[in-house]
N, C-alpha and C. Protein backbone atom coordinates (compact mmCIF):
# COMPACT_ATOMS: atom_id res chain seq x y z
N MET A 1 -17.09 -21.38 0.74
CA MET A 1 -16.33 -20.34 0.27
C MET A 1 -15.93 -20.82 -0.80
N ASN A 2 -15.76 -21.98 -1.61
CA ASN A 2 -15.32 -21.92 -3.16
C ASN A 2 -16.43 -21.46 -4.15
N THR A 3 -17.79 -21.32 -3.45
CA THR A 3 -18.68 -20.41 -4.45
C THR A 3 -18.50 -19.37 -4.51
N LEU A 4 -18.06 -18.65 -3.10
CA LEU A 4 -17.45 -17.42 -3.58
C LEU A 4 -16.56 -17.09 -4.22
N LEU A 5 -15.28 -17.80 -4.03
CA LEU A 5 -14.21 -17.54 -4.85
C LEU A 5 -14.49 -17.85 -6.68
N ASP A 6 -15.25 -18.96 -6.78
CA ASP A 6 -15.91 -18.96 -8.12
C ASP A 6 -16.56 -18.00 -8.67
N ARG A 7 -17.28 -17.24 -7.76
CA ARG A 7 -17.99 -16.03 -8.13
C ARG A 7 -17.41 -14.81 -8.51
N LEU A 8 -16.46 -14.80 -7.48
CA LEU A 8 -15.51 -13.39 -7.31
C LEU A 8 -14.41 -13.68 -9.04
N SER A 9 -14.11 -15.10 -9.24
CA SER A 9 -13.08 -15.01 -10.50
C SER A 9 -13.82 -14.70 -11.54
N ARG A 10 -15.22 -14.94 -11.83
CA ARG A 10 -16.09 -14.62 -13.09
C ARG A 10 -16.09 -13.13 -13.13
N LEU A 11 -15.97 -12.30 -12.07
CA LEU A 11 -16.56 -10.92 -12.29
C LEU A 11 -15.35 -10.17 -13.51
N PRO A 12 -15.86 -9.49 -13.91
CA PRO A 12 -15.18 -8.74 -14.76
C PRO A 12 -13.95 -7.95 -14.27
N ILE A 13 -12.68 -7.80 -15.33
CA ILE A 13 -11.82 -7.79 -14.75
C ILE A 13 -11.37 -6.28 -13.93
N PRO A 14 -12.10 -4.95 -14.77
CA PRO A 14 -12.31 -3.92 -14.09
C PRO A 14 -12.96 -3.75 -12.62
N LEU A 15 -14.15 -4.41 -12.41
CA LEU A 15 -14.61 -4.92 -11.19
C LEU A 15 -13.72 -5.45 -10.27
N LYS A 16 -13.01 -6.44 -10.68
CA LYS A 16 -12.07 -7.22 -9.59
C LYS A 16 -10.82 -6.06 -9.06
N ILE A 17 -10.69 -5.30 -10.05
CA ILE A 17 -9.55 -4.23 -9.60
C ILE A 17 -10.58 -3.29 -8.50
N VAL A 18 -11.45 -2.88 -8.84
CA VAL A 18 -12.35 -1.94 -7.87
C VAL A 18 -12.62 -2.49 -6.73
N LEU A 19 -13.17 -3.74 -7.08
CA LEU A 19 -13.29 -4.42 -5.41
C LEU A 19 -11.85 -4.71 -4.69
N SER A 20 -10.84 -4.91 -5.26
CA SER A 20 -9.72 -5.12 -4.31
C SER A 20 -9.47 -3.85 -3.73
N PHE A 21 -9.80 -2.86 -4.27
CA PHE A 21 -9.20 -1.65 -3.79
C PHE A 21 -10.13 -1.15 -2.66
N ALA A 22 -11.46 -1.29 -2.74
CA ALA A 22 -12.55 -1.02 -1.75
C ALA A 22 -11.93 -2.09 -0.92
N VAL A 23 -11.74 -3.52 -0.45
CA VAL A 23 -11.70 -4.00 0.52
C VAL A 23 -10.60 -3.54 0.87
N VAL A 24 -9.32 -3.00 0.48
CA VAL A 24 -7.73 -2.65 1.13
C VAL A 24 -8.43 -1.47 2.09
N ILE A 25 -9.45 -0.64 1.44
CA ILE A 25 -9.67 0.78 1.90
C ILE A 25 -10.47 0.65 3.24
N LEU A 26 -11.71 -0.56 3.43
CA LEU A 26 -12.25 -0.82 3.94
C LEU A 26 -11.51 -1.38 5.00
N VAL A 27 -10.67 -2.35 5.23
CA VAL A 27 -9.83 -3.15 6.21
C VAL A 27 -9.20 -2.05 6.86
N GLY A 28 -8.56 -1.14 5.82
CA GLY A 28 -7.20 -0.22 6.27
C GLY A 28 -7.80 0.99 7.50
N SER A 29 -9.14 1.17 6.95
CA SER A 29 -9.93 2.03 7.87
C SER A 29 -10.10 1.55 9.27
N LEU A 30 -10.89 0.31 9.19
CA LEU A 30 -11.01 -0.28 10.38
C LEU A 30 -9.69 -0.52 11.12
N LEU A 31 -8.30 -1.14 10.74
CA LEU A 31 -7.54 -1.04 11.42
C LEU A 31 -6.87 0.17 12.05
N LEU A 32 -7.25 1.34 11.00
CA LEU A 32 -6.85 2.57 11.69
C LEU A 32 -7.88 3.15 12.84
N SER A 33 -8.96 2.61 12.93
CA SER A 33 -9.85 2.81 13.93
C SER A 33 -9.78 2.27 15.40
N LEU A 34 -9.22 1.42 15.08
CA LEU A 34 -8.70 0.41 16.44
C LEU A 34 -7.93 1.15 17.20
N PRO A 35 -8.01 1.25 18.88
CA PRO A 35 -7.62 1.72 19.62
C PRO A 35 -6.12 1.78 19.72
N ILE A 36 -5.57 0.49 19.33
CA ILE A 36 -3.83 0.62 19.21
C ILE A 36 -3.48 1.43 17.96
N SER A 37 -4.45 1.79 17.08
CA SER A 37 -3.84 2.71 16.17
C SER A 37 -3.62 3.93 16.54
N GLN A 38 -4.34 4.60 17.62
CA GLN A 38 -4.70 5.54 17.99
C GLN A 38 -3.36 6.37 18.78
N ALA A 39 -3.33 7.81 18.66
CA ALA A 39 -2.35 8.52 19.91
C ALA A 39 -3.45 8.45 20.97
N PRO A 40 -2.92 8.74 21.88
CA PRO A 40 -3.97 9.00 23.02
C PRO A 40 -4.43 10.54 22.84
N THR A 41 -4.29 11.46 22.16
CA THR A 41 -5.02 12.28 21.88
C THR A 41 -5.43 12.34 20.63
N SER A 42 -5.68 11.83 20.20
CA SER A 42 -6.38 11.36 19.06
C SER A 42 -8.31 12.12 19.06
N GLU A 43 -8.85 12.90 18.10
CA GLU A 43 -9.95 12.95 18.41
C GLU A 43 -10.73 12.48 17.13
N ALA A 44 -9.79 11.73 16.43
CA ALA A 44 -10.64 11.03 14.90
C ALA A 44 -12.02 10.45 14.96
N THR A 45 -12.60 10.38 14.07
CA THR A 45 -14.06 9.47 14.12
C THR A 45 -13.75 8.41 12.99
N TYR A 46 -14.50 7.70 13.07
CA TYR A 46 -14.02 6.75 12.08
C TYR A 46 -14.23 7.13 10.32
N PHE A 47 -15.18 7.70 10.22
CA PHE A 47 -14.54 8.93 8.67
C PHE A 47 -13.70 9.32 8.74
N ASP A 48 -12.97 10.09 9.63
CA ASP A 48 -11.74 10.46 9.50
C ASP A 48 -10.79 9.48 9.37
N HIS A 49 -10.66 8.16 9.29
CA HIS A 49 -10.16 7.07 9.31
C HIS A 49 -10.70 6.60 7.81
N LEU A 50 -11.62 6.41 7.63
CA LEU A 50 -11.53 6.13 6.30
C LEU A 50 -11.39 6.93 5.12
N PHE A 51 -11.57 8.08 5.15
CA PHE A 51 -10.89 9.01 4.49
C PHE A 51 -9.35 8.83 4.29
N THR A 52 -8.67 9.02 5.68
CA THR A 52 -7.22 8.80 5.65
C THR A 52 -7.22 7.63 4.67
N ALA A 53 -7.67 6.27 5.02
CA ALA A 53 -7.20 5.26 4.40
C ALA A 53 -7.78 5.18 2.61
N VAL A 54 -8.36 5.97 2.44
CA VAL A 54 -8.82 6.33 1.09
C VAL A 54 -7.73 6.74 0.52
N SER A 55 -7.04 8.00 1.24
CA SER A 55 -6.12 9.02 0.84
C SER A 55 -4.81 7.92 0.66
N MET A 56 -4.61 7.37 1.45
CA MET A 56 -3.36 6.58 1.81
C MET A 56 -3.44 5.49 0.26
N VAL A 57 -4.55 4.89 0.37
CA VAL A 57 -4.35 4.12 -0.75
C VAL A 57 -4.37 4.44 -2.40
N CYS A 58 -5.13 5.61 -2.25
CA CYS A 58 -5.33 6.33 -3.66
C CYS A 58 -3.99 7.19 -3.70
N VAL A 59 -3.30 7.55 -3.31
CA VAL A 59 -2.11 8.45 -2.62
C VAL A 59 -2.15 9.60 -2.82
N THR A 60 -3.16 10.02 -2.33
CA THR A 60 -3.41 11.79 -2.79
C THR A 60 -2.77 12.22 -1.65
N GLY A 61 -2.35 11.85 -0.32
CA GLY A 61 -1.50 12.45 0.50
C GLY A 61 -2.52 13.56 1.49
N LEU A 62 -3.74 13.76 1.08
CA LEU A 62 -4.71 14.22 1.91
C LEU A 62 -5.30 13.75 3.16
N TYR A 63 -5.55 14.29 4.08
CA TYR A 63 -6.20 13.97 5.42
C TYR A 63 -7.24 14.93 6.06
N THR A 64 -7.79 14.39 6.92
CA THR A 64 -8.45 15.07 7.64
C THR A 64 -7.80 15.57 9.07
N GLN A 65 -6.92 14.56 9.62
CA GLN A 65 -6.47 14.84 10.66
C GLN A 65 -5.09 14.61 10.56
N PRO A 66 -4.23 15.25 11.44
CA PRO A 66 -2.54 15.12 11.24
C PRO A 66 -2.11 13.48 11.54
N VAL A 67 -1.44 13.27 10.80
CA VAL A 67 -0.84 11.41 10.74
C VAL A 67 -0.25 11.42 12.15
N ALA A 68 0.59 12.04 12.02
CA ALA A 68 1.67 12.22 13.64
C ALA A 68 0.98 12.44 14.87
N THR A 69 -0.10 13.38 14.69
CA THR A 69 -0.86 13.49 16.08
C THR A 69 -1.94 12.37 16.26
N THR A 70 -2.62 11.72 15.36
CA THR A 70 -3.70 11.18 15.53
C THR A 70 -3.03 9.64 15.65
N TYR A 71 -2.16 9.26 15.12
CA TYR A 71 -2.01 7.97 14.93
C TYR A 71 -0.80 7.53 15.89
N SER A 72 -0.97 6.44 16.07
CA SER A 72 0.18 5.54 17.21
C SER A 72 1.46 5.03 16.16
N LEU A 73 2.41 4.74 16.79
CA LEU A 73 3.53 3.70 15.64
C LEU A 73 2.75 2.95 14.70
N PHE A 74 1.88 1.79 15.61
CA PHE A 74 1.10 0.98 14.78
C PHE A 74 0.29 1.87 13.89
N GLY A 75 -0.61 2.57 14.17
CA GLY A 75 -1.12 3.42 13.16
C GLY A 75 -0.73 3.73 11.99
N GLN A 76 0.85 4.19 12.31
CA GLN A 76 1.43 4.98 11.13
C GLN A 76 2.29 3.91 10.35
N ILE A 77 2.33 2.73 10.87
CA ILE A 77 2.93 1.61 9.78
C ILE A 77 1.97 1.38 9.21
N ILE A 78 0.83 1.02 9.71
CA ILE A 78 -0.67 0.90 8.68
C ILE A 78 -0.67 1.71 7.56
N ASN A 79 -0.61 2.80 7.71
CA ASN A 79 -0.74 4.18 7.08
C ASN A 79 0.57 3.71 5.72
N ILE A 80 1.85 3.62 6.23
CA ILE A 80 2.70 3.12 5.26
C ILE A 80 2.48 2.18 4.38
N LEU A 81 1.79 0.68 4.87
CA LEU A 81 1.47 -0.45 4.31
C LEU A 81 0.45 0.12 3.24
N LEU A 82 -0.56 1.25 3.55
CA LEU A 82 -1.84 1.21 2.60
C LEU A 82 -0.97 2.54 1.63
N ILE A 83 -0.34 3.04 2.04
CA ILE A 83 0.28 3.88 0.86
C ILE A 83 1.17 3.12 0.10
N GLN A 84 1.85 2.07 0.40
CA GLN A 84 2.72 1.35 -0.34
C GLN A 84 1.52 0.45 -1.02
N LEU A 85 0.60 -0.12 -0.80
CA LEU A 85 -0.41 -0.97 -1.74
C LEU A 85 -1.09 -0.03 -2.41
N GLY A 86 -0.94 0.97 -2.49
CA GLY A 86 -1.85 1.85 -2.93
C GLY A 86 -0.58 2.07 -4.45
N GLY A 87 0.31 2.56 -4.18
CA GLY A 87 1.60 3.22 -5.16
C GLY A 87 1.68 1.69 -6.13
N LEU A 88 2.26 0.49 -5.45
CA LEU A 88 2.61 -0.52 -6.22
C LEU A 88 1.25 -1.21 -6.96
N GLY A 89 0.07 -1.24 -6.22
CA GLY A 89 -1.01 -1.69 -6.79
C GLY A 89 -1.09 -3.07 -6.01
N LEU A 90 -2.29 -3.10 -5.56
CA LEU A 90 -2.76 -4.28 -4.88
C LEU A 90 -2.65 -5.63 -5.68
N ILE A 91 -3.12 -5.36 -6.69
CA ILE A 91 -2.83 -6.90 -7.67
C ILE A 91 -1.55 -6.97 -8.09
N THR A 92 -0.32 -5.93 -8.26
CA THR A 92 0.79 -6.31 -8.46
C THR A 92 1.62 -6.76 -7.37
N ILE A 93 1.27 -6.73 -5.94
CA ILE A 93 2.16 -7.03 -5.05
C ILE A 93 1.14 -8.56 -4.80
N VAL A 94 0.15 -8.96 -4.69
CA VAL A 94 -0.56 -10.30 -4.85
C VAL A 94 0.13 -11.10 -6.01
N ALA A 95 0.52 -10.49 -6.99
CA ALA A 95 1.04 -11.25 -8.23
C ALA A 95 2.36 -11.55 -7.80
N ALA A 96 3.01 -10.57 -7.12
CA ALA A 96 4.97 -10.71 -7.12
C ALA A 96 5.08 -11.70 -6.31
N VAL A 97 3.66 -11.77 -5.12
CA VAL A 97 3.82 -13.04 -3.85
C VAL A 97 3.57 -14.26 -4.38
N VAL A 98 2.84 -14.18 -5.20
CA VAL A 98 2.32 -15.63 -5.82
C VAL A 98 3.53 -16.29 -6.41
N MET A 99 3.78 -15.35 -7.37
CA MET A 99 5.46 -15.61 -8.32
C MET A 99 6.45 -16.15 -7.63
N ARG A 100 6.37 -15.50 -6.42
CA ARG A 100 7.43 -15.52 -5.75
C ARG A 100 7.54 -16.92 -4.66
N MET A 101 6.39 -17.55 -4.44
CA MET A 101 5.91 -18.83 -4.17
C MET A 101 6.23 -19.75 -4.73
N GLY A 102 6.44 -19.63 -6.23
CA GLY A 102 6.20 -20.53 -7.28
C GLY A 102 5.30 -20.72 -7.89
N ARG A 103 4.22 -20.33 -7.91
CA ARG A 103 3.16 -20.51 -8.18
C ARG A 103 2.95 -20.02 -9.41
N ARG A 104 1.79 -20.75 -10.58
CA ARG A 104 1.63 -20.15 -11.98
C ARG A 104 0.60 -18.96 -11.49
N VAL A 105 0.52 -17.82 -12.30
CA VAL A 105 -0.55 -17.45 -12.72
C VAL A 105 -1.23 -17.71 -13.49
N SER A 106 -2.33 -17.95 -13.58
CA SER A 106 -3.35 -17.93 -14.53
C SER A 106 -3.48 -17.18 -15.72
N VAL A 107 -3.94 -17.20 -16.61
CA VAL A 107 -4.28 -16.53 -18.24
C VAL A 107 -5.34 -15.39 -17.38
N ARG A 108 -6.05 -15.78 -16.67
CA ARG A 108 -6.91 -15.15 -16.31
C ARG A 108 -6.86 -13.80 -15.59
N ASP A 109 -5.79 -14.25 -14.75
CA ASP A 109 -5.09 -13.39 -13.72
C ASP A 109 -4.17 -12.29 -14.14
N GLU A 110 -3.45 -13.14 -15.57
CA GLU A 110 -2.49 -12.23 -16.09
C GLU A 110 -3.38 -11.06 -16.71
N LEU A 111 -4.43 -11.59 -17.24
CA LEU A 111 -4.95 -10.28 -17.88
C LEU A 111 -5.73 -9.52 -16.88
N THR A 112 -5.90 -9.74 -15.98
CA THR A 112 -6.11 -8.66 -14.89
C THR A 112 -4.93 -8.06 -14.33
N LEU A 113 -3.98 -8.57 -14.32
CA LEU A 113 -2.55 -7.40 -14.07
C LEU A 113 -2.23 -6.82 -14.99
N LYS A 114 -2.41 -7.27 -16.51
CA LYS A 114 -1.88 -6.51 -17.61
C LYS A 114 -3.32 -5.23 -17.86
N GLU A 115 -4.53 -5.61 -17.55
CA GLU A 115 -5.30 -4.66 -17.18
C GLU A 115 -5.19 -3.42 -16.15
N ALA A 116 -4.39 -3.75 -14.90
CA ALA A 116 -4.43 -3.12 -13.91
C ALA A 116 -2.97 -2.45 -13.88
N LEU A 117 -2.17 -3.17 -14.74
CA LEU A 117 -0.85 -1.91 -15.20
C LEU A 117 -0.92 -1.28 -16.17
N ASN A 118 -2.04 -1.32 -17.29
CA ASN A 118 -1.97 -0.57 -18.14
C ASN A 118 -0.86 -1.00 -19.20
N ARG A 119 -0.59 -2.50 -19.39
CA ARG A 119 0.42 -3.26 -20.10
C ARG A 119 -0.30 -3.88 -21.31
N ASN A 120 0.47 -3.64 -22.64
CA ASN A 120 -0.26 -3.82 -23.85
C ASN A 120 0.23 -5.60 -24.07
N GLU A 121 1.09 -5.98 -23.56
CA GLU A 121 1.93 -7.35 -23.61
C GLU A 121 1.97 -8.24 -22.68
N LEU A 122 1.81 -9.34 -22.45
CA LEU A 122 1.78 -10.39 -21.11
C LEU A 122 3.28 -11.02 -21.61
N THR A 123 4.42 -10.79 -22.21
CA THR A 123 5.49 -11.40 -22.37
C THR A 123 6.34 -10.89 -21.38
N ASP A 124 7.00 -11.88 -20.61
CA ASP A 124 8.25 -11.60 -19.66
C ASP A 124 7.24 -10.84 -18.64
N PHE A 125 6.18 -11.11 -17.87
CA PHE A 125 5.57 -10.93 -17.10
C PHE A 125 5.91 -10.88 -15.75
N ARG A 126 6.54 -11.79 -15.50
CA ARG A 126 7.29 -11.93 -14.11
C ARG A 126 8.20 -10.94 -14.07
N ARG A 127 9.36 -11.43 -14.83
CA ARG A 127 10.55 -10.38 -14.56
C ARG A 127 9.85 -8.79 -14.55
N PHE A 128 8.76 -8.53 -15.26
CA PHE A 128 8.77 -7.12 -15.20
C PHE A 128 7.59 -6.63 -13.74
N LEU A 129 7.15 -7.92 -13.20
CA LEU A 129 6.40 -7.46 -12.00
C LEU A 129 7.69 -7.22 -10.76
N VAL A 130 8.51 -8.79 -11.11
CA VAL A 130 10.13 -8.64 -9.75
C VAL A 130 10.86 -7.24 -10.12
N SER A 131 10.67 -6.58 -11.47
CA SER A 131 11.50 -5.57 -11.52
C SER A 131 10.72 -4.32 -10.85
N VAL A 132 9.52 -4.16 -10.96
CA VAL A 132 8.88 -3.13 -10.57
C VAL A 132 8.95 -3.00 -9.10
N VAL A 133 8.78 -4.17 -8.12
CA VAL A 133 9.00 -4.52 -6.60
C VAL A 133 10.08 -4.13 -6.46
N LYS A 134 11.37 -4.40 -7.05
CA LYS A 134 12.49 -4.38 -6.29
C LYS A 134 13.14 -2.89 -6.85
N TYR A 135 12.89 -2.48 -7.64
CA TYR A 135 13.18 -0.84 -8.07
C TYR A 135 12.53 -0.14 -7.39
N THR A 136 11.07 -0.59 -6.76
CA THR A 136 10.60 0.70 -5.78
C THR A 136 11.19 0.48 -4.60
N LEU A 137 11.65 -0.70 -4.22
CA LEU A 137 12.28 -1.03 -2.55
C LEU A 137 13.36 -0.37 -2.87
N LEU A 138 14.22 -0.31 -3.63
CA LEU A 138 15.62 0.27 -3.72
C LEU A 138 15.23 1.73 -3.76
N ILE A 139 14.96 2.26 -4.57
CA ILE A 139 14.66 3.73 -4.33
C ILE A 139 14.02 4.48 -3.23
N GLU A 140 13.14 3.49 -2.69
CA GLU A 140 12.51 4.15 -1.31
C GLU A 140 13.81 3.98 -0.39
N ALA A 141 14.49 2.81 -0.54
CA ALA A 141 15.73 2.71 0.61
C ALA A 141 16.53 3.84 0.36
N PHE A 142 17.08 4.06 -0.89
CA PHE A 142 18.03 5.45 -1.28
C PHE A 142 17.34 6.65 -0.91
N GLY A 143 15.79 6.63 -0.82
CA GLY A 143 15.45 8.27 -0.31
C GLY A 143 15.47 7.92 1.38
N MET A 144 15.36 7.12 1.65
CA MET A 144 15.04 6.56 3.29
C MET A 144 16.81 7.19 3.47
N GLY A 145 17.59 6.77 2.82
CA GLY A 145 18.97 6.88 3.20
C GLY A 145 19.34 8.45 3.32
N LEU A 146 18.76 9.38 2.53
CA LEU A 146 19.65 10.39 1.64
C LEU A 146 18.51 11.14 3.09
N LEU A 147 17.13 11.10 3.26
CA LEU A 147 16.41 11.20 4.61
C LEU A 147 16.88 11.43 5.66
N SER A 148 17.64 10.27 5.89
CA SER A 148 17.87 9.88 7.37
C SER A 148 18.97 11.14 7.63
N LEU A 149 19.94 11.02 6.72
CA LEU A 149 20.95 12.24 7.30
C LEU A 149 20.59 13.56 7.77
N HIS A 150 19.48 13.77 7.63
CA HIS A 150 18.58 14.90 8.19
C HIS A 150 17.78 14.89 9.58
N PHE A 151 17.42 13.71 9.34
CA PHE A 151 16.33 13.47 10.89
C PHE A 151 17.06 12.67 11.68
N ILE A 152 17.97 11.74 11.63
CA ILE A 152 18.54 11.20 12.60
C ILE A 152 19.14 12.35 13.31
N PRO A 153 19.98 12.95 13.08
CA PRO A 153 20.18 14.26 13.80
C PRO A 153 19.50 14.77 14.59
N GLU A 154 18.57 15.65 14.14
CA GLU A 154 17.70 15.80 14.36
C GLU A 154 16.29 15.54 15.87
N LEU A 155 16.11 14.33 14.91
CA LEU A 155 15.07 13.04 15.92
C LEU A 155 15.72 12.08 17.02
N GLY A 156 16.92 11.64 16.36
CA GLY A 156 17.46 10.60 17.08
C GLY A 156 17.33 9.36 16.20
N LEU A 157 18.18 8.26 16.73
CA LEU A 157 18.16 7.16 15.43
C LEU A 157 16.92 6.42 15.02
N GLN A 158 16.00 6.29 16.41
CA GLN A 158 15.17 5.47 15.70
C GLN A 158 13.88 6.09 15.17
N HIS A 159 13.71 7.71 15.81
CA HIS A 159 12.35 8.53 15.37
C HIS A 159 12.75 8.96 13.93
N GLY A 160 14.00 8.79 13.94
CA GLY A 160 14.56 9.65 12.80
C GLY A 160 14.77 8.50 11.40
N LEU A 161 14.82 7.29 11.63
CA LEU A 161 14.73 6.25 10.64
C LEU A 161 13.37 6.00 9.91
N PHE A 162 12.04 6.16 11.11
CA PHE A 162 11.01 6.16 11.14
C PHE A 162 10.66 6.91 9.97
N THR A 163 10.60 8.49 10.39
CA THR A 163 10.26 9.64 10.01
C THR A 163 11.04 9.47 8.35
N SER A 164 12.38 9.40 8.28
CA SER A 164 12.66 8.90 6.89
C SER A 164 12.24 7.55 5.81
N LEU A 165 11.62 6.90 6.51
CA LEU A 165 11.10 5.70 5.87
C LEU A 165 9.74 6.41 5.48
N TYR A 166 9.21 6.98 6.45
CA TYR A 166 7.42 7.17 6.08
C TYR A 166 7.44 8.20 4.94
N LEU A 167 8.39 9.45 4.96
CA LEU A 167 8.54 10.59 4.28
C LEU A 167 8.94 9.57 2.68
N SER A 168 9.94 8.73 2.68
CA SER A 168 10.42 8.32 1.49
C SER A 168 9.27 7.46 0.74
N VAL A 169 8.82 6.20 1.40
CA VAL A 169 7.33 5.61 1.12
C VAL A 169 6.50 6.55 0.46
N SER A 170 5.95 7.86 0.97
CA SER A 170 5.08 8.94 0.78
C SER A 170 5.11 9.48 -0.47
N ALA A 171 6.56 10.10 -0.48
CA ALA A 171 7.09 10.56 -1.64
C ALA A 171 7.43 10.13 -2.73
N PHE A 172 7.58 8.62 -2.67
CA PHE A 172 7.93 7.91 -3.90
C PHE A 172 6.63 7.54 -4.33
N ASN A 173 5.45 7.19 -3.72
CA ASN A 173 3.99 6.62 -3.99
C ASN A 173 3.62 7.57 -5.08
N ASN A 174 3.31 9.11 -4.27
CA ASN A 174 2.98 9.88 -4.71
C ASN A 174 3.21 10.62 -6.22
């Protein structure tokens, strides 16, 4: 395991970024293809799930099968997570979690983050990452609140809140 991690740490930064997204897409497509992720009426194939995972992570909003009729609640939650990972960037999320745990991010990892986020400087990086995550969640929560004013009366409390959350995360990240 350490040998694999050593090899991965020596990869060029752009390749690390591409691999991280490829792994998330692969895992996402596998999760979406599970029976627990499917609606009973789903006719989606694995390639539909793969296309959906790529679309969600790359936040294009494209799909081959309607999300609402293809995926169960679990599958739709997976979709939201894939959209969020794609929008915030997997590397940003990992760095924010590592920093939240109080661990130091290595210079090499900071360079990867700098490259992934297209930043020119590394100064005050921790505050920048925390701000990105915090403001993203605040804006999405505000959008969800506004959307829920329409969807709760129309769909009921639970379904209206979930629809508002899904649309807010999707709209912000797109």
